[in-house]
Amino acid sequence: MSPKRQIVNHELDSSYAYQQFGFVQVSSAALAAHQQLYLDITIHTGGYLYTYVANESNVSASTSVYFDDFNIIHTRNTSTLQVVQTTDYYPFGLAMAAQSYQKQSTLDNDYKFNGIEEQDEFDLNIYAAFYRNLDPSLGRWWQIDPKSEEYHSWTPYNSMGDNPIGIMDPLGDEWLDKVKDKAKATKISNDLDLANATLVRDNAKLQKRIGRAEQKGNQDKAEKLTMSQVNNNISIIINDNSKNNLVKMEASNVKFTFNLSSSGSGGQTRLDNKIGAVVIEAIESSLGNMVHEVQHGADIGTGKNRMPIFGGMPSLSTDEEERYEKRGYMAQVAADRSSMPSSNLDKTPRNPRGVTGPYVGGIDDGKTYPRIYRKYKKIRSKIS
């Protein structure tokens, strides 16, 4: 018969709420020799572990059990990564103390809700944004909106349009509307579907022309038309990738927001340090220009391009800048070939395979990408 002795674990969170229970019992083998007991548990949240040995049987000479060399060993899941702080919030940023955790002996992270610095001195418990202070218990700003004329239908003390789930205001002056950004991304994705539908119809027409050319024995024409089909298929694949880029941006740890204009000659993807987000600036009427900048955004979100994070294009080598821009223009021509700018170093491409380094360098007579322009002008000078 096994002695009723065991090692017992009770896990509690930081608010002493019960989390899990476990035990391991001494077996009858311990009556004849030493027995090693161990109990592995996984801790999912910060809190307390209450561990003890228990004796639930009558003590007698034949069933006496002695515990020795009792240890608790903490093993991290990884040697480098660990959760040091978690914070759950009520809608306007008031922390849920019972649901939050901070590891002991770690530095405080004061930049919390919407990335705004928390001020807890003198028990103020407010968020000090760049322009004004947010009271999370009221869901209101303490000062009036510096851009109140843009939100004239709201009180100047209003916080995030009473929609803190869909809207951010990290500076305290202007809303970053996640709902609108999502709607813009959806619109771009739908327009890419329409572009692909056009390419599919074009391929069907090409297939008929290929059949007629083959019937007439005009193999050269049939091969050219087949190559046009191949180029269309490449464009369809790239357009699908552009749709996936929008998904990558939404899932990325990097914050993105769209700033689309009704006119202009181009766009840019830049880091706005004030709002802590990557801004996608593009022409709303040009699907090609938008997906070009979306490609750059996806490169940033997935770590393929470090340019905006480190403060500007000089952080890239000339070859890196060339690859970065070629990906953007390949996405652009796949979505809308009519949106492609001209170049004085190469002909304007009509499909992704036509996007070359010289083409990129020669856009706007080399003024847009001067380093790439100088690279290919130097190569041409050597050839000539």
Protein backbone atom coordinates (compact mmCIF):
# COMPACT_ATOMS: atom_id res chain seq x y z
CA MET A 1 0.00 0.00 0.00
CA SER A 2 1.38 3.42 -0.96
CA PRO A 3 1.97 5.92 1.84
CA LYS A 4 -0.31 8.95 1.57
CA ARG A 5 2.47 11.47 1.24
CA GLN A 6 2.86 13.89 -1.66
CA ILE A 7 4.41 17.07 -2.95
CA VAL A 8 1.71 19.66 -3.68
CA ASN A 9 1.76 22.83 -5.83
CA HIS A 10 -0.81 25.65 -5.86
CA GLU A 11 -0.35 28.45 -8.40
CA LEU A 12 -1.93 31.87 -7.74
CA ASP A 13 -1.80 34.97 -9.91
CA SER A 14 -0.61 38.37 -8.66
CA SER A 15 -4.07 39.03 -7.20
CA TYR A 16 -4.06 35.66 -5.38
CA ALA A 17 -6.66 34.21 -7.74
CA TYR A 18 -6.35 30.44 -8.17
CA GLN A 19 -4.70 29.32 -11.41
CA GLN A 20 -3.81 25.62 -11.21
CA PHE A 21 -3.11 22.74 -8.84
CA GLY A 22 -0.81 19.73 -9.07
CA PHE A 23 0.66 16.97 -6.92
CA VAL A 24 2.82 13.86 -7.11
CA GLN A 25 2.48 11.05 -4.55
CA VAL A 26 5.07 8.78 -2.99
CA SER A 27 4.67 5.20 -4.25
CA SER A 28 5.16 1.91 -2.39
CA ALA A 29 8.68 1.76 -3.86
CA ALA A 30 9.71 4.31 -1.26
CA LEU A 31 9.15 1.69 1.49
CA ALA A 32 12.23 -0.18 0.28
CA ALA A 33 14.54 2.49 -1.15
CA HIS A 34 14.90 6.17 -1.89
CA GLN A 35 12.49 7.54 -4.46
CA GLN A 36 12.95 10.72 -6.49
CA LEU A 37 9.82 12.74 -7.05
CA TYR A 38 9.43 15.64 -9.41
CA LEU A 39 6.52 17.68 -10.73
CA ASP A 40 6.79 19.81 -13.88
CA ILE A 41 4.38 22.70 -14.25
CA THR A 42 4.16 25.55 -16.75
CA ILE A 43 3.57 29.01 -15.31
CA HIS A 44 1.43 31.16 -17.61
CA THR A 45 1.23 34.39 -15.62
CA GLY A 46 3.08 36.26 -12.89
CA GLY A 47 2.06 35.51 -9.33
CA TYR A 48 2.87 33.06 -6.57
CA LEU A 49 3.69 29.37 -6.27
CA TYR A 50 2.75 27.71 -2.96
CA THR A 51 4.61 24.39 -2.66
CA TYR A 52 4.66 22.01 0.31
CA VAL A 53 4.94 18.35 1.33
CA ALA A 54 1.90 16.66 2.86
CA ASN A 55 1.44 13.65 5.12
CA GLU A 56 -2.07 12.26 5.12
CA SER A 57 -1.48 8.82 6.68
CA ASN A 58 -0.89 7.64 10.22
CA VAL A 59 2.76 7.65 11.21
CA SER A 60 4.21 4.25 12.07
CA ALA A 61 7.58 2.62 11.87
CA SER A 62 6.62 0.75 8.72
CA THR A 63 5.24 3.77 6.86
CA SER A 64 7.44 6.64 7.99
CA VAL A 65 8.52 8.80 5.04
CA TYR A 66 11.24 11.46 5.13
CA PHE A 67 11.59 14.21 2.49
CA ASP A 68 15.08 15.48 1.78
CA ASP A 69 16.84 17.71 -0.77
CA PHE A 70 13.70 19.65 -1.68
CA ASN A 71 14.29 22.14 -4.55
CA ILE A 72 12.29 24.43 -6.82
CA ILE A 73 13.98 25.03 -10.17
CA HIS A 74 12.78 27.81 -12.50
CA THR A 75 13.56 27.10 -16.17
CA ARG A 76 12.74 29.72 -18.80
CA ASN A 77 11.21 28.59 -22.08
CA THR A 78 13.90 30.56 -23.87
CA SER A 79 17.18 31.98 -22.68
CA THR A 80 16.60 35.38 -24.31
CA LEU A 81 12.87 36.13 -24.46
CA GLN A 82 10.51 36.43 -21.54
CA VAL A 83 7.39 38.35 -20.63
CA VAL A 84 8.32 41.12 -18.20
CA GLN A 85 5.11 43.15 -18.32
CA THR A 86 1.52 42.75 -19.46
CA THR A 87 -1.21 45.35 -19.12
CA ASP A 88 -4.92 45.00 -19.84
CA TYR A 89 -7.00 48.14 -20.19
CA TYR A 90 -10.49 49.45 -19.87
CA PRO A 91 -11.53 51.14 -23.16
CA PHE A 92 -9.91 54.56 -22.58
CA GLY A 93 -6.65 53.32 -21.07
CA LEU A 94 -7.37 52.75 -17.39
CA ALA A 95 -5.28 49.72 -16.40
CA MET A 96 -6.97 46.62 -15.01
CA ALA A 97 -4.77 46.00 -12.01
CA ALA A 98 -5.98 42.45 -11.44
CA GLN A 99 -5.22 41.50 -15.06
CA SER A 100 -1.84 43.21 -15.31
CA TYR A 101 1.61 41.94 -14.43
CA GLN A 102 5.15 43.23 -14.16
CA LYS A 103 8.13 41.08 -13.34
CA GLN A 104 10.00 42.09 -10.24
CA SER A 105 13.38 43.83 -10.61
CA THR A 106 12.56 45.05 -14.14
CA LEU A 107 12.48 48.68 -15.26
CA ASP A 108 9.09 50.30 -15.63
CA ASN A 109 7.74 50.75 -19.13
CA ASP A 110 5.91 54.07 -18.95
CA TYR A 111 4.81 54.13 -22.60
CA LYS A 112 1.59 52.18 -22.48
CA PHE A 113 -1.89 52.91 -23.85
CA ASN A 114 -1.60 54.12 -27.47
CA GLY A 115 2.15 54.45 -26.84
CA ILE A 116 1.57 57.49 -24.61
CA GLU A 117 3.71 58.06 -21.54
CA GLU A 118 1.93 57.36 -18.27
CA GLN A 119 2.39 59.93 -15.47
CA ASP A 120 1.78 58.36 -12.07
CA GLU A 121 3.62 60.91 -9.95
CA PHE A 122 1.47 62.28 -7.10
CA ASP A 123 -1.07 59.58 -8.05
CA LEU A 124 -2.15 61.60 -11.08
CA ASN A 125 -2.48 58.46 -13.24
CA ILE A 126 -2.82 60.32 -16.52
CA TYR A 127 -1.28 59.89 -19.97
CA ALA A 128 0.93 62.80 -21.05
CA ALA A 129 0.70 63.02 -24.83
CA PHE A 130 2.71 65.56 -26.82
CA TYR A 131 -0.06 68.17 -26.91
CA ARG A 132 -2.25 67.42 -23.88
CA ASN A 133 -3.07 65.03 -21.04
CA LEU A 134 -5.55 62.16 -21.14
CA ASP A 135 -7.50 61.12 -18.04
CA PRO A 136 -8.21 57.39 -18.57
CA SER A 137 -10.73 57.21 -15.74
CA LEU A 138 -12.93 59.83 -17.49
CA GLY A 139 -12.02 59.05 -21.08
CA ARG A 140 -11.45 62.77 -21.66
CA TRP A 141 -8.52 65.12 -22.28
CA TRP A 142 -7.70 67.78 -19.70
CA GLN A 143 -6.98 70.40 -22.40
CA ILE A 144 -8.85 71.40 -25.54
CA ASP A 145 -7.98 69.87 -28.90
CA PRO A 146 -5.30 71.94 -30.72
CA LYS A 147 -6.98 70.93 -33.99
CA SER A 148 -10.56 71.25 -32.79
CA GLU A 149 -11.60 72.88 -36.08
CA GLU A 150 -11.08 69.50 -37.78
CA TYR A 151 -13.51 67.83 -35.37
CA HIS A 152 -16.06 70.63 -34.98
CA SER A 153 -18.93 68.25 -34.20
CA TRP A 154 -17.14 66.97 -31.08
CA THR A 155 -16.39 68.60 -27.76
CA PRO A 156 -12.71 69.71 -27.77
CA TYR A 157 -12.14 67.50 -24.71
CA ASN A 158 -13.41 64.37 -26.48
CA SER A 159 -11.10 61.37 -26.61
CA MET A 160 -10.77 59.38 -29.83
CA GLY A 161 -14.30 60.05 -31.00
CA ASP A 162 -15.64 57.85 -28.18
CA ASN A 163 -14.24 54.90 -30.16
CA PRO A 164 -10.93 53.92 -28.52
CA ILE A 165 -11.07 50.48 -30.14
CA GLY A 166 -11.03 51.81 -33.69
CA ILE A 167 -9.26 55.17 -33.26
CA MET A 168 -5.89 56.17 -31.82
CA ASP A 169 -4.68 59.64 -30.87
CA PRO A 170 -1.06 59.16 -29.74
CA LEU A 171 -0.17 62.88 -29.86
CA GLY A 172 -3.43 64.29 -28.58
CA ASP A 173 -4.12 66.31 -31.71
CA GLU A 174 -5.18 64.04 -34.58
CA TRP A 175 -6.95 60.71 -34.87
CA LEU A 176 -5.39 57.62 -36.41
CA ASP A 177 -8.50 55.81 -37.52
CA LYS A 178 -7.82 52.07 -37.64
CA VAL A 179 -11.31 51.46 -39.03
CA LYS A 180 -10.72 53.87 -41.92
CA ASP A 181 -7.25 52.41 -42.53
CA LYS A 182 -8.82 48.94 -42.67
CA ALA A 183 -11.45 50.25 -45.13
CA LYS A 184 -8.71 51.73 -47.34
CA ALA A 185 -6.78 48.46 -47.28
CA THR A 186 -9.96 46.57 -48.18
CA LYS A 187 -10.61 48.96 -51.07
CA ILE A 188 -7.08 48.41 -52.41
CA SER A 189 -7.51 44.63 -52.08
CA ASN A 190 -10.84 44.74 -53.95
CA ASP A 191 -9.32 46.88 -56.71
CA LEU A 192 -6.53 44.30 -57.08
CA ASP A 193 -9.20 41.62 -57.52
CA LEU A 194 -10.72 43.70 -60.32
CA ALA A 195 -7.28 44.14 -61.92
CA ASN A 196 -6.76 40.38 -61.83
CA ALA A 197 -10.21 39.77 -63.30
CA THR A 198 -9.24 42.04 -66.21
CA LEU A 199 -6.00 40.10 -66.71
CA VAL A 200 -7.91 36.80 -66.70
CA ARG A 201 -10.30 38.11 -69.39
CA ASP A 202 -7.31 39.38 -71.37
CA ASN A 203 -5.74 35.92 -71.17
CA ALA A 204 -8.93 34.35 -72.52
CA LYS A 205 -8.85 36.71 -75.51
CA LEU A 206 -5.16 35.99 -76.02
CA GLN A 207 -5.87 32.26 -76.01
CA LYS A 208 -8.31 32.68 -78.90
CA ARG A 209 -5.77 34.74 -80.83
CA ILE A 210 -3.10 32.10 -80.17
CA GLY A 211 -5.43 29.44 -81.59
CA ARG A 212 -6.08 31.45 -84.76
CA ALA A 213 -2.36 32.16 -85.21
CA GLU A 214 -1.50 28.47 -84.86
CA GLN A 215 -4.21 27.52 -87.37
CA LYS A 216 -2.63 29.89 -89.86
CA GLY A 217 0.82 28.48 -89.12
CA ASN A 218 2.07 31.78 -87.74
CA GLN A 219 4.18 30.30 -84.93
CA ASP A 220 6.13 33.48 -84.22
CA LYS A 221 2.94 35.40 -83.51
CA ALA A 222 1.59 32.55 -81.37
CA GLU A 223 4.78 32.58 -79.27
CA LYS A 224 4.58 36.35 -78.76
CA LEU A 225 0.95 36.07 -77.67
CA THR A 226 1.84 33.20 -75.33
CA MET A 227 4.54 35.37 -73.76
CA SER A 228 1.90 38.06 -73.18
CA GLN A 229 -0.14 35.44 -71.33
CA VAL A 230 2.91 34.56 -69.23
CA ASN A 231 3.40 38.23 -68.36
CA ASN A 232 -0.27 38.50 -67.37
CA ASN A 233 0.06 35.44 -65.16
CA ILE A 234 3.12 36.97 -63.47
CA SER A 235 1.10 40.13 -62.85
CA ILE A 236 -1.73 38.09 -61.32
CA ILE A 237 0.73 36.42 -58.93
CA ILE A 238 2.26 39.78 -57.96
CA ASN A 239 -1.20 41.30 -57.42
CA ASP A 240 -2.07 38.42 -55.11
CA ASN A 241 1.19 39.13 -53.29
CA SER A 242 0.19 42.79 -52.98
CA LYS A 243 -3.05 41.68 -51.33
CA ASN A 244 -1.01 39.53 -48.97
CA ASN A 245 1.19 42.55 -48.22
CA LEU A 246 -1.86 44.32 -46.79
CA VAL A 247 -2.42 41.34 -44.49
CA LYS A 248 1.25 41.38 -43.43
CA MET A 249 1.05 45.07 -42.57
CA GLU A 250 -2.05 44.56 -40.44
CA ALA A 251 -0.42 41.65 -38.59
CA SER A 252 2.93 43.43 -38.14
CA ASN A 253 4.08 44.89 -34.83
CA VAL A 254 4.75 48.10 -36.78
CA LYS A 255 1.84 50.57 -36.81
CA PHE A 256 0.70 51.66 -40.28
CA THR A 257 -1.68 54.39 -41.39
CA PHE A 258 -2.75 55.59 -44.84
CA ASN A 259 -2.54 59.20 -45.97
CA LEU A 260 -4.03 59.18 -49.47
CA SER A 261 -4.25 62.36 -51.54
CA SER A 262 -6.51 63.17 -54.48
CA SER A 263 -3.65 64.38 -56.67
CA GLY A 264 0.12 64.46 -56.95
CA SER A 265 2.99 62.94 -58.86
CA GLY A 266 3.93 60.08 -56.54
CA GLY A 267 3.99 58.79 -53.00
CA GLN A 268 6.30 57.81 -50.19
CA THR A 269 6.45 55.50 -47.20
CA ARG A 270 7.94 57.20 -44.16
CA LEU A 271 8.26 56.81 -40.42
CA ASP A 272 6.49 59.53 -38.44
CA ASN A 273 8.24 59.52 -35.09
CA LYS A 274 5.65 61.84 -33.57
CA ILE A 275 2.82 59.36 -33.96
CA GLY A 276 5.00 56.25 -33.84
CA ALA A 277 3.64 54.87 -37.11
CA VAL A 278 4.72 54.24 -40.69
CA VAL A 279 2.68 56.48 -42.98
CA ILE A 280 1.72 55.21 -46.44
CA GLU A 281 1.36 58.31 -48.63
CA ALA A 282 0.00 57.70 -52.12
CA ILE A 283 -2.41 58.97 -54.77
CA GLU A 284 -5.87 57.56 -54.05
CA SER A 285 -6.89 57.49 -57.71
CA SER A 286 -3.83 55.44 -58.72
CA LEU A 287 -3.98 51.77 -57.75
CA GLY A 288 -0.44 51.29 -59.05
CA ASN A 289 0.96 54.08 -56.89
CA MET A 290 -0.84 52.74 -53.81
CA VAL A 291 0.38 49.15 -54.18
CA HIS A 292 3.92 50.47 -54.84
CA GLU A 293 3.92 52.10 -51.41
CA VAL A 294 2.15 49.11 -49.84
CA GLN A 295 5.05 46.95 -51.06
CA HIS A 296 7.44 49.26 -49.21
CA GLY A 297 5.24 49.07 -46.13
CA ALA A 298 5.26 45.27 -46.21
CA ASP A 299 9.05 45.30 -46.59
CA ILE A 300 9.28 47.40 -43.45
CA GLY A 301 6.77 45.28 -41.53
CA THR A 302 8.61 42.06 -42.35
CA GLY A 303 12.08 43.52 -41.80
CA LYS A 304 13.17 43.33 -45.46
CA ASN A 305 13.85 47.04 -45.49
CA ARG A 306 15.18 49.05 -42.57
CA MET A 307 15.13 52.43 -44.35
CA PRO A 308 12.40 54.36 -42.51
CA ILE A 309 13.20 52.82 -39.13
CA PHE A 310 16.76 54.16 -39.18
CA GLY A 311 15.91 57.59 -40.46
CA GLY A 312 16.17 57.69 -44.25
CA MET A 313 17.44 56.26 -47.47
CA PRO A 314 21.17 56.80 -46.64
CA SER A 315 20.96 53.71 -44.39
CA LEU A 316 20.59 51.61 -47.55
CA SER A 317 23.33 50.85 -50.01
CA THR A 318 22.73 51.76 -53.65
CA ASP A 319 22.07 48.10 -54.53
CA GLU A 320 19.63 47.72 -51.61
CA GLU A 321 17.78 50.85 -52.66
CA GLU A 322 17.59 49.52 -56.21
CA ARG A 323 16.12 46.17 -55.10
CA TYR A 324 13.70 47.98 -52.78
CA GLU A 325 12.40 50.22 -55.56
CA LYS A 326 12.30 47.49 -58.21
CA ARG A 327 9.94 45.51 -55.98
CA GLY A 328 7.74 48.58 -55.67
CA TYR A 329 7.62 49.25 -59.41
CA MET A 330 7.01 45.57 -60.21
CA ALA A 331 3.96 45.69 -57.93
CA GLN A 332 2.92 48.98 -59.55
CA VAL A 333 3.06 47.80 -63.16
CA ALA A 334 1.30 44.53 -62.28
CA ALA A 335 -1.63 46.47 -60.85
CA ASP A 336 -1.77 49.31 -63.40
CA ARG A 337 0.70 49.60 -66.26
CA SER A 338 -0.63 53.05 -67.19
CA SER A 339 0.64 54.46 -63.88
CA MET A 340 4.30 53.87 -64.68
CA PRO A 341 6.49 56.99 -64.99
CA SER A 342 8.89 57.40 -67.90
CA SER A 343 12.67 57.01 -67.67
CA ASN A 344 15.54 58.40 -69.73
CA LEU A 345 17.69 55.28 -69.23
CA ASP A 346 15.26 52.54 -70.29
CA LYS A 347 11.85 52.13 -71.87
CA THR A 348 8.73 52.26 -69.72
CA PRO A 349 7.85 48.67 -68.71
CA ARG A 350 4.48 47.14 -69.55
CA ASN A 351 4.92 44.13 -67.28
CA PRO A 352 6.93 43.21 -64.14
CA ARG A 353 9.69 41.54 -66.14
CA GLY A 354 10.45 44.88 -67.78
CA VAL A 355 11.34 46.66 -64.53
CA THR A 356 15.12 47.11 -64.64
CA GLY A 357 17.73 48.95 -62.63
CA PRO A 358 18.36 51.48 -65.43
CA TYR A 359 14.62 52.14 -65.69
CA VAL A 360 14.39 52.94 -61.98
CA GLY A 361 17.52 55.11 -62.04
CA GLY A 362 16.33 57.14 -65.01
CA ILE A 363 12.92 58.11 -63.60
CA ASP A 364 12.47 61.88 -63.61
CA ASP A 365 15.86 62.27 -65.34
CA GLY A 366 17.62 60.71 -62.36
CA LYS A 367 16.28 63.21 -59.81
CA THR A 368 14.18 60.69 -57.87
CA TYR A 369 16.92 58.07 -57.36
CA PRO A 370 20.20 59.91 -58.06
CA ARG A 371 22.49 57.17 -56.71
CA ILE A 372 20.93 54.51 -58.96
CA TYR A 373 21.04 56.98 -61.85
CA ARG A 374 24.76 57.64 -61.35
CA LYS A 375 25.43 53.89 -61.12
CA TYR A 376 23.95 53.14 -64.55
CA LYS A 377 25.21 56.31 -66.19
CA LYS A 378 28.71 55.23 -65.13
CA ILE A 379 28.16 51.73 -66.55
CA ARG A 380 26.92 53.15 -69.85
CA SER A 381 29.90 55.51 -70.03
CA LYS A 382 32.28 52.53 -69.65
CA ILE A 383 30.44 50.57 -72.35
CA SER A 384 30.46 53.46 -74.80
